[in-house]
N, C-alpha and C. Protein backbone atom coordinates (compact mmCIF):
# COMPACT_ATOMS: atom_id res chain seq x y z
N MET A 1 23.24 14.63 -4.17
CA MET A 1 22.61 14.28 -5.24
C MET A 1 21.37 13.41 -4.88
N SER A 2 20.08 13.55 -5.61
CA SER A 2 18.89 12.91 -5.18
C SER A 2 19.23 11.19 -5.27
N SER A 3 18.27 10.87 -4.72
CA SER A 3 18.18 8.94 -4.70
C SER A 3 17.18 8.63 -5.99
N THR A 4 16.91 9.80 -6.69
CA THR A 4 15.88 9.59 -8.07
C THR A 4 16.44 9.18 -9.12
N SER A 5 18.33 9.76 -8.88
CA SER A 5 18.91 10.25 -10.13
C SER A 5 19.43 8.88 -11.12
N PRO A 6 19.18 8.81 -12.38
CA PRO A 6 19.46 7.77 -13.40
C PRO A 6 20.73 6.88 -12.28
N ARG A 7 21.92 8.02 -12.16
CA ARG A 7 22.95 6.99 -11.54
C ARG A 7 22.93 6.20 -10.65
N GLY A 8 22.04 6.74 -9.55
CA GLY A 8 21.63 6.16 -8.26
C GLY A 8 20.69 5.10 -8.69
N GLU A 9 19.97 4.96 -9.31
CA GLU A 9 18.92 4.35 -9.82
C GLU A 9 19.98 2.61 -10.20
N GLU A 10 20.76 3.03 -11.61
CA GLU A 10 21.23 2.22 -11.62
C GLU A 10 21.93 1.30 -11.05
N GLY A 11 22.43 2.26 -9.45
CA GLY A 11 23.18 1.56 -8.71
C GLY A 11 23.08 0.45 -8.12
N LEU A 12 21.52 0.82 -7.63
CA LEU A 12 20.41 0.10 -7.27
C LEU A 12 20.34 -1.32 -7.67
N ILE A 13 19.93 -0.92 -9.17
CA ILE A 13 19.98 -2.25 -10.41
C ILE A 13 21.07 -3.02 -10.14
N GLU A 14 22.28 -2.72 -10.22
CA GLU A 14 23.13 -3.61 -9.67
C GLU A 14 23.43 -4.26 -8.85
N LYS A 15 23.15 -3.94 -7.56
CA LYS A 15 23.46 -4.03 -6.49
C LYS A 15 21.97 -5.32 -6.02
N PHE A 16 20.87 -4.76 -7.02
CA PHE A 16 19.36 -5.44 -6.44
C PHE A 16 18.58 -5.63 -7.95
N PRO A 17 19.08 -6.85 -8.59
CA PRO A 17 18.39 -6.90 -9.95
C PRO A 17 16.89 -6.95 -10.45
N HIS A 18 16.07 -7.37 -8.88
CA HIS A 18 14.38 -7.47 -9.14
C HIS A 18 14.14 -5.98 -8.85
N TYR A 19 15.15 -4.69 -8.67
CA TYR A 19 14.63 -3.51 -7.90
C TYR A 19 13.58 -2.88 -8.69
N LYS A 20 13.55 -2.98 -10.87
CA LYS A 20 12.59 -2.44 -11.41
C LYS A 20 11.27 -3.28 -10.73
N THR A 21 11.42 -4.22 -11.19
CA THR A 21 9.87 -4.89 -11.03
C THR A 21 9.20 -4.52 -9.19
N TYR A 22 9.99 -4.29 -8.17
CA TYR A 22 9.87 -3.77 -6.81
C TYR A 22 9.05 -2.70 -7.34
N LYS A 23 9.74 -1.95 -7.64
CA LYS A 23 9.33 -0.78 -8.12
C LYS A 23 8.27 -0.08 -8.51
N ALA A 24 8.31 -1.35 -9.87
CA ALA A 24 6.69 -1.06 -10.24
C ALA A 24 5.71 -1.58 -9.15
N CYS A 25 5.73 -2.74 -8.59
CA CYS A 25 4.77 -3.49 -7.87
C CYS A 25 4.72 -2.09 -6.91
N GLN A 26 5.60 -1.20 -6.12
CA GLN A 26 5.16 -0.17 -5.07
C GLN A 26 4.29 0.91 -5.60
N SER A 27 4.70 1.08 -7.06
CA SER A 27 3.99 1.88 -7.88
C SER A 27 2.40 1.58 -7.91
N GLN A 28 2.22 0.36 -8.16
CA GLN A 28 0.77 0.05 -8.30
C GLN A 28 -0.38 0.25 -7.04
N ALA A 29 0.70 -0.40 -5.82
CA ALA A 29 -0.04 -0.41 -4.54
C ALA A 29 -0.15 1.28 -4.24
N LEU A 30 0.49 1.82 -4.65
CA LEU A 30 0.03 3.74 -4.57
C LEU A 30 -0.89 4.02 -5.17
N MET A 31 -0.98 3.52 -6.48
CA MET A 31 -2.04 3.87 -7.34
C MET A 31 -3.49 3.26 -6.78
N SER A 32 -3.31 2.23 -5.95
CA SER A 32 -4.43 0.89 -5.84
C SER A 32 -5.13 2.22 -4.89
N SER A 33 -4.01 2.31 -3.50
CA SER A 33 -4.81 3.23 -2.57
C SER A 33 -5.35 4.35 -2.78
N SER A 34 -4.76 5.16 -3.98
CA SER A 34 -5.21 6.52 -4.44
C SER A 34 -7.03 5.80 -4.43
N PHE A 35 -6.92 5.22 -5.59
CA PHE A 35 -8.06 4.63 -6.26
C PHE A 35 -9.22 4.49 -4.89
N ALA A 36 -8.72 3.91 -3.85
CA ALA A 36 -9.68 3.08 -2.53
C ALA A 36 -9.57 4.28 -1.61
N LEU A 37 -8.78 5.48 -1.67
CA LEU A 37 -9.59 6.87 -1.10
C LEU A 37 -10.71 7.63 -1.45
N LEU A 38 -10.12 7.61 -3.21
CA LEU A 38 -11.30 8.15 -3.69
C LEU A 38 -12.59 7.25 -3.93
N MET A 39 -12.46 6.14 -4.04
CA MET A 39 -13.67 4.95 -4.23
C MET A 39 -14.57 5.25 -2.45
N ALA A 40 -13.82 4.85 -1.88
CA ALA A 40 -14.17 4.65 -0.85
C ALA A 40 -15.17 5.68 0.08
N SER A 41 -14.33 7.13 -0.25
CA SER A 41 -14.96 8.54 0.04
C SER A 41 -15.97 8.86 -0.64
N MET A 42 -16.09 8.62 -2.02
CA MET A 42 -17.15 8.98 -2.44
C MET A 42 -18.38 8.25 -2.42
N CYS A 43 -18.41 6.69 -1.95
CA CYS A 43 -19.41 5.73 -2.27
C CYS A 43 -20.22 6.12 -0.62
N SER A 44 -19.28 6.19 0.51
CA SER A 44 -19.60 6.90 1.89
C SER A 44 -20.06 8.04 1.84
N TYR A 45 -19.86 8.82 0.92
CA TYR A 45 -20.54 10.34 1.46
C TYR A 45 -22.22 10.04 0.38
N LEU A 46 -21.87 9.16 -0.54
CA LEU A 46 -23.44 9.29 -1.13
C LEU A 46 -24.11 8.51 0.00
N ALA A 47 -23.67 7.45 0.97
CA ALA A 47 -24.78 6.56 1.26
C ALA A 47 -24.92 7.43 2.19
N MET A 48 -23.75 8.19 3.18
CA MET A 48 -24.06 9.63 4.39
C MET A 48 -25.46 10.30 3.85
N ASN A 49 -25.53 10.84 2.35
CA ASN A 49 -25.88 11.95 2.25
C ASN A 49 -27.66 10.94 1.83
N ALA A 50 -27.69 9.82 1.51
CA ALA A 50 -29.16 9.16 1.31
C ALA A 50 -29.71 8.96 2.53
N PHE A 51 -28.65 8.79 3.61
CA PHE A 51 -29.43 8.26 5.18
C PHE A 51 -29.48 9.77 5.50
N ASN A 52 -28.93 10.74 5.40
CA ASN A 52 -29.05 12.30 6.07
C ASN A 52 -30.39 12.70 5.45
N GLN A 53 -30.52 12.33 4.20
CA GLN A 53 -31.90 13.06 3.52
C GLN A 53 -33.27 12.67 3.85
N ARG A 54 -33.00 11.04 4.08
CA ARG A 54 -34.22 9.74 4.62
C ARG A 54 -34.55 10.33 6.03
N PHE A 55 -33.68 10.00 6.74
CA PHE A 55 -34.05 10.16 8.36
C PHE A 55 -33.94 11.42 8.89
N LYS A 56 -33.14 12.47 8.49
CA LYS A 56 -32.92 13.89 8.87
C LYS A 56 -32.80 13.62 10.33
N PRO A 57 -31.43 13.20 10.96
CA PRO A 57 -30.84 12.64 12.19
C PRO A 57 -30.20 14.37 12.72
N ASN A 58 -30.86 14.23 13.67
CA ASN A 58 -29.38 15.48 14.36
C ASN A 58 -28.23 15.51 14.42
N ILE A 59 -27.21 15.60 13.48
CA ILE A 59 -26.06 15.36 13.68
C ILE A 59 -25.47 17.15 12.48
N ASN A 60 -24.31 17.10 13.22
CA ASN A 60 -23.53 18.18 12.43
C ASN A 60 -23.05 17.78 10.87
N LYS A 61 -23.48 18.84 10.33
CA LYS A 61 -23.25 18.32 8.74
C LYS A 61 -21.89 18.45 8.59
N ASN A 62 -21.04 18.86 9.38
CA ASN A 62 -19.51 18.49 9.12
C ASN A 62 -19.56 17.13 8.62
N TRP A 63 -19.95 16.66 9.23
CA TRP A 63 -19.34 15.01 9.60
C TRP A 63 -19.95 14.29 8.27
N LEU A 64 -21.15 15.14 7.31
CA LEU A 64 -21.40 14.77 5.79
C LEU A 64 -19.88 14.59 5.05
N VAL A 65 -19.40 15.23 5.44
CA VAL A 65 -17.77 15.65 4.51
C VAL A 65 -16.78 14.61 5.38
N ALA A 66 -16.40 15.03 6.65
CA ALA A 66 -15.51 14.35 7.57
C ALA A 66 -15.46 12.66 7.50
N GLY A 67 -16.78 12.33 8.05
CA GLY A 67 -16.87 10.88 8.00
C GLY A 67 -16.60 10.09 6.78
N PRO A 68 -16.69 10.20 5.60
CA PRO A 68 -16.88 9.78 4.28
C PRO A 68 -14.54 9.96 3.76
N VAL A 69 -14.46 11.21 4.37
CA VAL A 69 -12.77 11.56 4.20
C VAL A 69 -12.22 10.34 5.44
N LEU A 70 -12.92 10.49 6.47
CA LEU A 70 -11.82 9.85 7.60
C LEU A 70 -12.04 8.29 7.08
N PHE A 71 -13.11 7.63 6.28
CA PHE A 71 -13.52 6.41 6.05
C PHE A 71 -12.74 5.80 4.82
N GLY A 72 -12.05 7.33 3.80
CA GLY A 72 -11.70 6.63 2.48
C GLY A 72 -10.15 6.66 3.03
N VAL A 73 -9.58 7.70 3.97
CA VAL A 73 -7.76 7.22 4.65
C VAL A 73 -8.06 5.94 4.74
N LEU A 74 -8.74 5.50 5.68
CA LEU A 74 -8.41 4.22 6.87
C LEU A 74 -8.44 3.32 5.55
N SER A 75 -9.75 3.59 4.78
CA SER A 75 -9.61 2.39 3.50
C SER A 75 -7.91 1.95 2.38
N ALA A 76 -7.71 3.75 2.53
CA ALA A 76 -6.63 3.57 1.82
C ALA A 76 -5.13 3.04 2.23
N TYR A 77 -5.21 3.26 3.45
CA TYR A 77 -4.43 2.90 4.42
C TYR A 77 -4.59 1.34 4.79
N VAL A 78 -5.31 0.36 4.68
CA VAL A 78 -5.29 -0.70 4.90
C VAL A 78 -4.73 -0.84 2.98
N VAL A 79 -5.54 -0.59 2.15
CA VAL A 79 -5.39 -1.52 0.86
C VAL A 79 -3.54 -1.00 0.77
N VAL A 80 -3.03 0.62 0.61
CA VAL A 80 -1.32 0.18 0.74
C VAL A 80 -0.32 -0.75 1.63
N GLN A 81 -1.34 -0.71 2.80
CA GLN A 81 -0.48 -1.73 4.16
C GLN A 81 -0.45 -2.93 3.29
N HIS A 82 -1.52 -3.61 2.76
CA HIS A 82 -1.45 -4.77 2.13
C HIS A 82 -0.77 -5.33 1.06
N LYS A 83 -0.63 -4.24 -0.11
CA LYS A 83 -0.21 -4.91 -1.08
C LYS A 83 1.57 -4.38 -0.93
N THR A 84 1.81 -3.33 -0.15
CA THR A 84 2.99 -3.54 -0.09
C THR A 84 4.00 -3.90 0.60
N THR A 85 3.26 -4.97 1.74
CA THR A 85 3.70 -6.00 2.39
C THR A 85 3.64 -6.96 1.10
N ASN A 86 2.59 -7.08 0.62
CA ASN A 86 3.25 -8.12 -0.52
C ASN A 86 4.52 -8.09 -1.37
N CYS A 87 4.04 -7.07 -1.82
CA CYS A 87 5.59 -6.09 -2.28
C CYS A 87 7.07 -6.95 -1.80
N GLN A 88 7.22 -5.97 -0.34
CA GLN A 88 8.34 -6.41 -0.13
C GLN A 88 8.17 -8.15 0.29
N ASN A 89 7.22 -9.36 0.29
CA ASN A 89 7.81 -10.17 0.02
C ASN A 89 7.97 -10.76 -1.27
N MET A 90 7.38 -10.19 -2.37
CA MET A 90 7.78 -10.85 -3.18
C MET A 90 9.03 -10.45 -3.84
N TRP A 91 9.48 -8.99 -3.23
CA TRP A 91 10.95 -8.21 -3.99
C TRP A 91 12.05 -9.62 -3.00
N MET A 92 11.56 -9.63 -1.58
CA MET A 92 12.82 -10.74 -0.85
C MET A 92 12.55 -12.37 -1.74
N ALA A 93 11.81 -12.76 -2.23
CA ALA A 93 11.63 -14.20 -2.37
C ALA A 93 12.26 -13.80 -3.86
N MET A 94 12.55 -12.95 -4.62
CA MET A 94 13.15 -12.45 -5.66
C MET A 94 14.49 -12.89 -5.78
N GLU A 95 14.89 -11.99 -4.90
CA GLU A 95 16.26 -11.84 -4.38
C GLU A 95 16.75 -13.23 -3.49
N GLU A 96 16.01 -13.50 -3.35
CA GLU A 96 16.21 -15.12 -2.54
C GLU A 96 17.01 -14.95 -1.36
N LYS A 97 16.55 -13.76 -0.63
CA LYS A 97 16.90 -13.39 0.71
C LYS A 97 16.16 -14.32 1.54
N HIS A 98 14.76 -14.35 1.55
CA HIS A 98 13.86 -15.10 1.85
C HIS A 98 12.45 -15.02 1.78
N SER A 99 12.00 -16.30 2.11
CA SER A 99 10.27 -16.03 1.19
C SER A 99 9.66 -16.58 2.36
N VAL A 100 8.17 -16.41 2.15
CA VAL A 100 7.36 -16.64 3.08
C VAL A 100 7.01 -18.29 3.13
N LEU A 101 7.48 -18.58 1.65
CA LEU A 101 7.21 -20.35 2.02
C LEU A 101 8.64 -21.16 2.48
N THR A 102 9.96 -20.53 2.53
CA THR A 102 10.81 -20.96 3.13
C THR A 102 11.13 -21.47 5.04
N PRO A 103 11.46 -22.62 4.91
CA PRO A 103 10.68 -22.85 6.34
C PRO A 103 11.73 -22.03 7.13
N ALA A 104 11.19 -21.98 8.33
CA ALA A 104 12.17 -20.88 9.64
C ALA A 104 13.95 -21.79 9.51
N SER A 105 13.99 -22.64 9.83
CA SER A 105 15.30 -23.37 10.14
C SER A 105 16.42 -23.16 8.53
N GLU A 106 15.54 -22.98 7.78
CA GLU A 106 16.28 -23.03 6.43
C GLU A 106 16.84 -21.33 6.24
N ARG A 107 15.90 -20.88 6.82
CA ARG A 107 16.05 -19.13 6.86
C ARG A 107 17.44 -18.96 8.07
N ALA A 108 17.58 -19.49 8.99
CA ALA A 108 18.08 -19.71 10.01
C ALA A 108 19.50 -19.88 9.69
N ALA A 109 19.55 -20.98 8.65
CA ALA A 109 20.71 -21.71 8.00
C ALA A 109 21.29 -20.05 7.37
N MET A 110 20.59 -19.85 6.32
CA MET A 110 21.04 -18.75 5.45
C MET A 110 21.50 -17.86 6.56
N ARG A 111 21.19 -17.22 7.34
CA ARG A 111 21.49 -16.25 8.11
C ARG A 111 23.06 -16.49 8.92
N GLU A 112 23.22 -17.61 9.46
CA GLU A 112 24.43 -17.99 10.06
C GLU A 112 25.68 -18.07 8.88
N LYS A 113 25.31 -18.41 6.98
CA LYS A 113 26.36 -17.92 6.09
C LYS A 113 27.02 -17.18 6.07
N THR A 114 26.19 -16.18 6.15
CA THR A 114 26.51 -14.29 6.11
C THR A 114 27.03 -14.03 7.09
């Protein structure tokens, strides 16, 4: 049975009441990284193309495509890593497991109780 089946998701929602909010946050994080990939690749391609036409450097034309794609991938990775960390912190705070705002001594006491 796949983990995306309705029965499996209902079990997750029963166990973790804020799962839907976390799932929406993760979805938004992935869409943001896709947008970052597209925009960073497109903008860096246009900049490299303009630079290439104006100064005519002695570089391989493959870098005109590979450079922006690599820059877009790096940008998308940074965006998704940041947003995913924020989603995880939000979910843990909502589930009252721990929070960035909770002092370390209080988190240690909560761990000892369980």
